[in-house]
Amino acid sequence: MNITGEQKLLAILAHLAYLLGGLGFIIAPLVIFMLRKEDPFVYHHAKQALVAHLAILVVSVITSLLCMVLVGLLLVPVIGLLWLLLLITSIIAAVKAADGQFYEYPLIQRLVTKL
């Protein structure tokens, strides 16, 4: 399979979309995911990134809500570690995409396969 520069760029953008700020980290991989369904390489990377970003968003929102009742304060370090894990794994995924390789985020494969 010959991976083009455009395919690599879109895959990298999907993984590093959190650098866009705001909800860009959800919107960018979602748009790429929806527009490039016919491209197995870009689709795979966008799908991985989208599920990883949505998972961290959901966990962050739940923790924020729990902070209102003080229980969530105990989870704040866990959220910090999860964001750090997302940062590290998305950089690894971007490097793999730049090399034309597929990558699967750890811990979320059941969610990814259901999508």
N, C-alpha and C. Protein backbone atom coordinates (compact mmCIF):
# COMPACT_ATOMS: atom_id res chain seq x y z
N MET A 1 0.84 -1.18 0.00
CA MET A 1 0.00 0.00 0.00
C MET A 1 0.89 1.24 0.00
N ASN A 2 0.71 2.07 -1.00
CA ASN A 2 1.50 3.29 -1.12
C ASN A 2 0.75 4.44 -0.47
N ILE A 3 1.29 4.98 0.63
CA ILE A 3 0.65 6.06 1.37
C ILE A 3 1.20 7.39 0.89
N THR A 4 0.30 8.30 0.49
CA THR A 4 0.72 9.61 -0.03
C THR A 4 0.99 10.57 1.12
N GLY A 5 1.62 11.67 0.78
CA GLY A 5 1.89 12.73 1.76
C GLY A 5 0.60 13.32 2.32
N GLU A 6 -0.41 13.45 1.47
CA GLU A 6 -1.70 13.99 1.94
C GLU A 6 -2.34 13.05 2.96
N GLN A 7 -2.29 11.75 2.69
CA GLN A 7 -2.84 10.78 3.63
C GLN A 7 -2.13 10.86 4.98
N LYS A 8 -0.81 10.95 4.93
CA LYS A 8 -0.04 11.04 6.17
C LYS A 8 -0.38 12.31 6.93
N LEU A 9 -0.49 13.43 6.21
CA LEU A 9 -0.81 14.71 6.83
C LEU A 9 -2.18 14.68 7.52
N LEU A 10 -3.19 14.12 6.84
CA LEU A 10 -4.52 14.03 7.44
C LEU A 10 -4.52 13.13 8.67
N ALA A 11 -3.79 12.03 8.61
CA ALA A 11 -3.71 11.13 9.75
C ALA A 11 -3.02 11.81 10.93
N ILE A 12 -1.95 12.52 10.66
CA ILE A 12 -1.24 13.25 11.72
C ILE A 12 -2.14 14.33 12.31
N LEU A 13 -2.85 15.06 11.46
CA LEU A 13 -3.76 16.10 11.94
C LEU A 13 -4.83 15.52 12.85
N ALA A 14 -5.35 14.36 12.50
CA ALA A 14 -6.38 13.72 13.33
C ALA A 14 -5.83 13.43 14.73
N HIS A 15 -4.61 12.93 14.81
CA HIS A 15 -4.03 12.58 16.10
C HIS A 15 -3.64 13.80 16.93
N LEU A 16 -3.16 14.83 16.28
CA LEU A 16 -2.66 16.00 17.02
C LEU A 16 -3.66 17.16 17.02
N ALA A 17 -4.92 16.88 16.77
CA ALA A 17 -5.95 17.91 16.67
C ALA A 17 -6.15 18.66 17.97
N TYR A 18 -5.77 18.09 19.10
CA TYR A 18 -5.93 18.80 20.37
C TYR A 18 -5.07 20.06 20.41
N LEU A 19 -4.11 20.18 19.53
CA LEU A 19 -3.30 21.39 19.45
C LEU A 19 -4.10 22.56 18.87
N LEU A 20 -5.24 22.27 18.26
CA LEU A 20 -6.10 23.31 17.69
C LEU A 20 -6.84 24.08 18.77
N GLY A 21 -6.95 23.50 19.94
CA GLY A 21 -7.65 24.14 21.05
C GLY A 21 -9.15 23.97 20.95
N GLY A 22 -9.83 24.28 22.02
CA GLY A 22 -11.28 24.16 22.06
C GLY A 22 -11.76 22.78 21.67
N LEU A 23 -12.86 22.74 20.94
CA LEU A 23 -13.39 21.45 20.51
C LEU A 23 -12.76 20.98 19.20
N GLY A 24 -11.72 21.64 18.76
CA GLY A 24 -11.01 21.23 17.55
C GLY A 24 -10.49 19.81 17.65
N PHE A 25 -10.19 19.37 18.88
CA PHE A 25 -9.67 18.03 19.04
C PHE A 25 -10.73 16.96 18.79
N ILE A 26 -12.00 17.35 18.75
CA ILE A 26 -13.09 16.44 18.40
C ILE A 26 -13.51 16.68 16.95
N ILE A 27 -13.64 17.94 16.58
CA ILE A 27 -14.16 18.29 15.26
C ILE A 27 -13.23 17.84 14.14
N ALA A 28 -11.92 18.10 14.28
CA ALA A 28 -10.98 17.75 13.20
C ALA A 28 -10.98 16.25 12.89
N PRO A 29 -10.80 15.36 13.89
CA PRO A 29 -10.81 13.94 13.53
C PRO A 29 -12.19 13.48 13.04
N LEU A 30 -13.27 14.11 13.55
CA LEU A 30 -14.61 13.74 13.10
C LEU A 30 -14.81 14.08 11.63
N VAL A 31 -14.39 15.27 11.23
CA VAL A 31 -14.53 15.68 9.82
C VAL A 31 -13.67 14.78 8.93
N ILE A 32 -12.44 14.52 9.34
CA ILE A 32 -11.56 13.65 8.55
C ILE A 32 -12.17 12.25 8.46
N PHE A 33 -12.67 11.75 9.58
CA PHE A 33 -13.30 10.43 9.65
C PHE A 33 -14.48 10.34 8.68
N MET A 34 -15.31 11.37 8.65
CA MET A 34 -16.50 11.35 7.81
C MET A 34 -16.19 11.54 6.33
N LEU A 35 -15.18 12.35 6.02
CA LEU A 35 -14.89 12.66 4.62
C LEU A 35 -13.96 11.66 3.94
N ARG A 36 -13.23 10.88 4.72
CA ARG A 36 -12.25 9.97 4.10
C ARG A 36 -12.55 8.50 4.39
N LYS A 37 -13.82 8.13 4.38
CA LYS A 37 -14.22 6.75 4.65
C LYS A 37 -13.67 5.77 3.61
N GLU A 38 -13.45 6.25 2.40
CA GLU A 38 -12.96 5.36 1.33
C GLU A 38 -11.46 5.12 1.41
N ASP A 39 -10.78 5.85 2.26
CA ASP A 39 -9.32 5.73 2.41
C ASP A 39 -9.02 4.96 3.70
N PRO A 40 -8.67 3.67 3.61
CA PRO A 40 -8.49 2.86 4.81
C PRO A 40 -7.43 3.40 5.78
N PHE A 41 -6.36 3.97 5.27
CA PHE A 41 -5.29 4.48 6.13
C PHE A 41 -5.76 5.69 6.93
N VAL A 42 -6.29 6.69 6.25
CA VAL A 42 -6.74 7.91 6.92
C VAL A 42 -7.94 7.60 7.81
N TYR A 43 -8.85 6.78 7.33
CA TYR A 43 -10.04 6.40 8.10
C TYR A 43 -9.63 5.73 9.41
N HIS A 44 -8.69 4.80 9.35
CA HIS A 44 -8.22 4.10 10.55
C HIS A 44 -7.64 5.08 11.57
N HIS A 45 -6.77 5.96 11.12
CA HIS A 45 -6.14 6.91 12.04
C HIS A 45 -7.15 7.91 12.60
N ALA A 46 -8.06 8.40 11.76
CA ALA A 46 -9.07 9.34 12.24
C ALA A 46 -10.01 8.68 13.24
N LYS A 47 -10.36 7.44 12.99
CA LYS A 47 -11.22 6.69 13.90
C LYS A 47 -10.54 6.48 15.25
N GLN A 48 -9.28 6.08 15.23
CA GLN A 48 -8.52 5.90 16.46
C GLN A 48 -8.46 7.20 17.26
N ALA A 49 -8.12 8.29 16.58
CA ALA A 49 -7.98 9.58 17.25
C ALA A 49 -9.33 10.06 17.78
N LEU A 50 -10.37 9.93 17.00
CA LEU A 50 -11.69 10.38 17.42
C LEU A 50 -12.15 9.66 18.69
N VAL A 51 -12.02 8.35 18.72
CA VAL A 51 -12.45 7.60 19.90
C VAL A 51 -11.59 7.95 21.11
N ALA A 52 -10.28 8.08 20.92
CA ALA A 52 -9.39 8.45 22.03
C ALA A 52 -9.75 9.84 22.57
N HIS A 53 -9.99 10.78 21.68
CA HIS A 53 -10.31 12.14 22.10
C HIS A 53 -11.69 12.21 22.77
N LEU A 54 -12.65 11.47 22.24
CA LEU A 54 -13.97 11.44 22.86
C LEU A 54 -13.92 10.79 24.24
N ALA A 55 -13.14 9.73 24.36
CA ALA A 55 -13.02 9.04 25.65
C ALA A 55 -12.43 9.97 26.71
N ILE A 56 -11.38 10.69 26.37
CA ILE A 56 -10.77 11.60 27.35
C ILE A 56 -11.71 12.76 27.67
N LEU A 57 -12.49 13.22 26.69
CA LEU A 57 -13.46 14.28 26.93
C LEU A 57 -14.54 13.81 27.91
N VAL A 58 -15.07 12.63 27.70
CA VAL A 58 -16.12 12.10 28.57
C VAL A 58 -15.60 11.92 29.99
N VAL A 59 -14.42 11.34 30.13
CA VAL A 59 -13.84 11.13 31.46
C VAL A 59 -13.58 12.48 32.13
N SER A 60 -13.13 13.46 31.38
CA SER A 60 -12.87 14.79 31.95
C SER A 60 -14.15 15.46 32.42
N VAL A 61 -15.21 15.35 31.62
CA VAL A 61 -16.49 15.96 31.99
C VAL A 61 -17.06 15.28 33.24
N ILE A 62 -17.02 13.96 33.27
CA ILE A 62 -17.52 13.24 34.44
C ILE A 62 -16.73 13.64 35.69
N THR A 63 -15.43 13.72 35.57
CA THR A 63 -14.61 14.11 36.72
C THR A 63 -14.93 15.54 37.15
N SER A 64 -15.13 16.42 36.20
CA SER A 64 -15.47 17.80 36.52
C SER A 64 -16.79 17.87 37.28
N LEU A 65 -17.75 17.09 36.84
CA LEU A 65 -19.04 17.06 37.54
C LEU A 65 -18.88 16.49 38.95
N LEU A 66 -18.05 15.45 39.08
CA LEU A 66 -17.82 14.87 40.40
C LEU A 66 -17.07 15.83 41.33
N CYS A 67 -16.30 16.72 40.75
CA CYS A 67 -15.59 17.72 41.57
C CYS A 67 -16.58 18.62 42.30
N MET A 68 -17.76 18.79 41.75
CA MET A 68 -18.78 19.61 42.39
C MET A 68 -19.21 19.01 43.73
N VAL A 69 -19.11 17.70 43.84
CA VAL A 69 -19.48 17.04 45.11
C VAL A 69 -18.23 16.56 45.84
N LEU A 70 -17.09 17.12 45.47
CA LEU A 70 -15.79 16.87 46.10
C LEU A 70 -15.20 15.50 45.83
N VAL A 71 -15.98 14.53 45.39
CA VAL A 71 -15.45 13.20 45.09
C VAL A 71 -14.45 13.28 43.94
N GLY A 72 -14.75 14.12 42.97
CA GLY A 72 -13.91 14.25 41.79
C GLY A 72 -12.51 14.78 42.06
N LEU A 73 -12.34 15.48 43.18
CA LEU A 73 -11.02 16.00 43.51
C LEU A 73 -9.99 14.88 43.61
N LEU A 74 -10.44 13.72 44.04
CA LEU A 74 -9.55 12.57 44.13
C LEU A 74 -9.17 12.04 42.74
N LEU A 75 -10.00 12.34 41.75
CA LEU A 75 -9.76 11.85 40.39
C LEU A 75 -8.94 12.81 39.54
N VAL A 76 -8.71 14.01 40.00
CA VAL A 76 -7.97 15.01 39.21
C VAL A 76 -6.59 14.50 38.81
N PRO A 77 -5.81 13.87 39.72
CA PRO A 77 -4.52 13.34 39.28
C PRO A 77 -4.65 12.24 38.22
N VAL A 78 -5.72 11.46 38.31
CA VAL A 78 -5.95 10.41 37.31
C VAL A 78 -6.22 11.04 35.96
N ILE A 79 -7.01 12.10 35.92
CA ILE A 79 -7.28 12.80 34.67
C ILE A 79 -6.00 13.38 34.10
N GLY A 80 -5.17 13.94 34.96
CA GLY A 80 -3.88 14.46 34.50
C GLY A 80 -3.04 13.37 33.86
N LEU A 81 -3.02 12.20 34.47
CA LEU A 81 -2.27 11.08 33.90
C LEU A 81 -2.88 10.62 32.58
N LEU A 82 -4.21 10.62 32.49
CA LEU A 82 -4.85 10.23 31.23
C LEU A 82 -4.54 11.22 30.10
N TRP A 83 -4.55 12.51 30.41
CA TRP A 83 -4.19 13.52 29.39
C TRP A 83 -2.74 13.35 28.97
N LEU A 84 -1.86 13.04 29.92
CA LEU A 84 -0.46 12.80 29.60
C LEU A 84 -0.33 11.56 28.71
N LEU A 85 -1.09 10.51 29.03
CA LEU A 85 -1.10 9.31 28.21
C LEU A 85 -1.59 9.63 26.80
N LEU A 86 -2.64 10.46 26.69
CA LEU A 86 -3.13 10.86 25.36
C LEU A 86 -2.06 11.62 24.60
N LEU A 87 -1.37 12.53 25.27
CA LEU A 87 -0.31 13.30 24.63
C LEU A 87 0.77 12.37 24.08
N ILE A 88 1.23 11.45 24.90
CA ILE A 88 2.30 10.53 24.50
C ILE A 88 1.85 9.61 23.37
N THR A 89 0.67 9.00 23.53
CA THR A 89 0.21 8.05 22.51
C THR A 89 -0.15 8.74 21.20
N SER A 90 -0.64 9.97 21.27
CA SER A 90 -0.97 10.67 20.01
C SER A 90 0.30 11.07 19.27
N ILE A 91 1.36 11.38 19.99
CA ILE A 91 2.63 11.67 19.33
C ILE A 91 3.17 10.39 18.67
N ILE A 92 3.08 9.28 19.38
CA ILE A 92 3.50 7.99 18.80
C ILE A 92 2.66 7.69 17.56
N ALA A 93 1.34 7.91 17.65
CA ALA A 93 0.45 7.66 16.52
C ALA A 93 0.79 8.56 15.33
N ALA A 94 1.11 9.82 15.60
CA ALA A 94 1.47 10.75 14.52
C ALA A 94 2.76 10.31 13.85
N VAL A 95 3.72 9.85 14.63
CA VAL A 95 4.99 9.36 14.05
C VAL A 95 4.72 8.12 13.20
N LYS A 96 3.88 7.21 13.70
CA LYS A 96 3.53 6.01 12.91
C LYS A 96 2.84 6.42 11.61
N ALA A 97 1.93 7.39 11.70
CA ALA A 97 1.22 7.85 10.50
C ALA A 97 2.20 8.47 9.51
N ALA A 98 3.16 9.23 10.01
CA ALA A 98 4.16 9.85 9.14
C ALA A 98 5.01 8.79 8.44
N ASP A 99 5.18 7.64 9.10
CA ASP A 99 5.93 6.53 8.51
C ASP A 99 5.05 5.63 7.65
N GLY A 100 3.75 5.98 7.54
CA GLY A 100 2.84 5.18 6.72
C GLY A 100 2.38 3.90 7.39
N GLN A 101 2.45 3.87 8.73
CA GLN A 101 2.06 2.68 9.48
C GLN A 101 0.74 2.92 10.20
N PHE A 102 0.05 1.83 10.51
CA PHE A 102 -1.18 1.90 11.29
C PHE A 102 -0.82 1.93 12.77
N TYR A 103 -1.72 2.48 13.60
CA TYR A 103 -1.49 2.54 15.05
C TYR A 103 -2.82 2.38 15.76
N GLU A 104 -2.80 1.69 16.88
CA GLU A 104 -4.00 1.54 17.71
C GLU A 104 -3.69 2.05 19.10
N TYR A 105 -4.53 2.95 19.59
CA TYR A 105 -4.36 3.47 20.94
C TYR A 105 -4.60 2.35 21.96
N PRO A 106 -3.86 2.36 23.06
CA PRO A 106 -4.12 1.36 24.10
C PRO A 106 -5.42 1.69 24.84
N LEU A 107 -6.04 0.70 25.40
CA LEU A 107 -7.19 0.80 26.30
C LEU A 107 -8.54 1.10 25.65
N ILE A 108 -8.59 1.43 24.38
CA ILE A 108 -9.87 1.83 23.79
C ILE A 108 -10.28 0.96 22.60
N GLN A 109 -9.61 -0.14 22.36
CA GLN A 109 -9.89 -0.89 21.13
C GLN A 109 -11.30 -1.47 21.07
N ARG A 110 -11.89 -1.80 22.20
CA ARG A 110 -13.28 -2.28 22.17
C ARG A 110 -14.22 -1.21 21.65
N LEU A 111 -13.98 0.03 22.08
CA LEU A 111 -14.80 1.14 21.59
C LEU A 111 -14.58 1.38 20.11
N VAL A 112 -13.33 1.32 19.69
CA VAL A 112 -12.99 1.58 18.28
C VAL A 112 -13.64 0.53 17.37
N THR A 113 -13.59 -0.72 17.77
CA THR A 113 -14.14 -1.76 16.91
C THR A 113 -15.67 -1.69 16.82
N LYS A 114 -16.32 -1.10 17.83
CA LYS A 114 -17.78 -0.95 17.79
C LYS A 114 -18.21 0.18 16.89
N LEU A 115 -17.32 1.11 16.60
CA LEU A 115 -17.65 2.28 15.77
C LEU A 115 -17.67 1.95 14.31
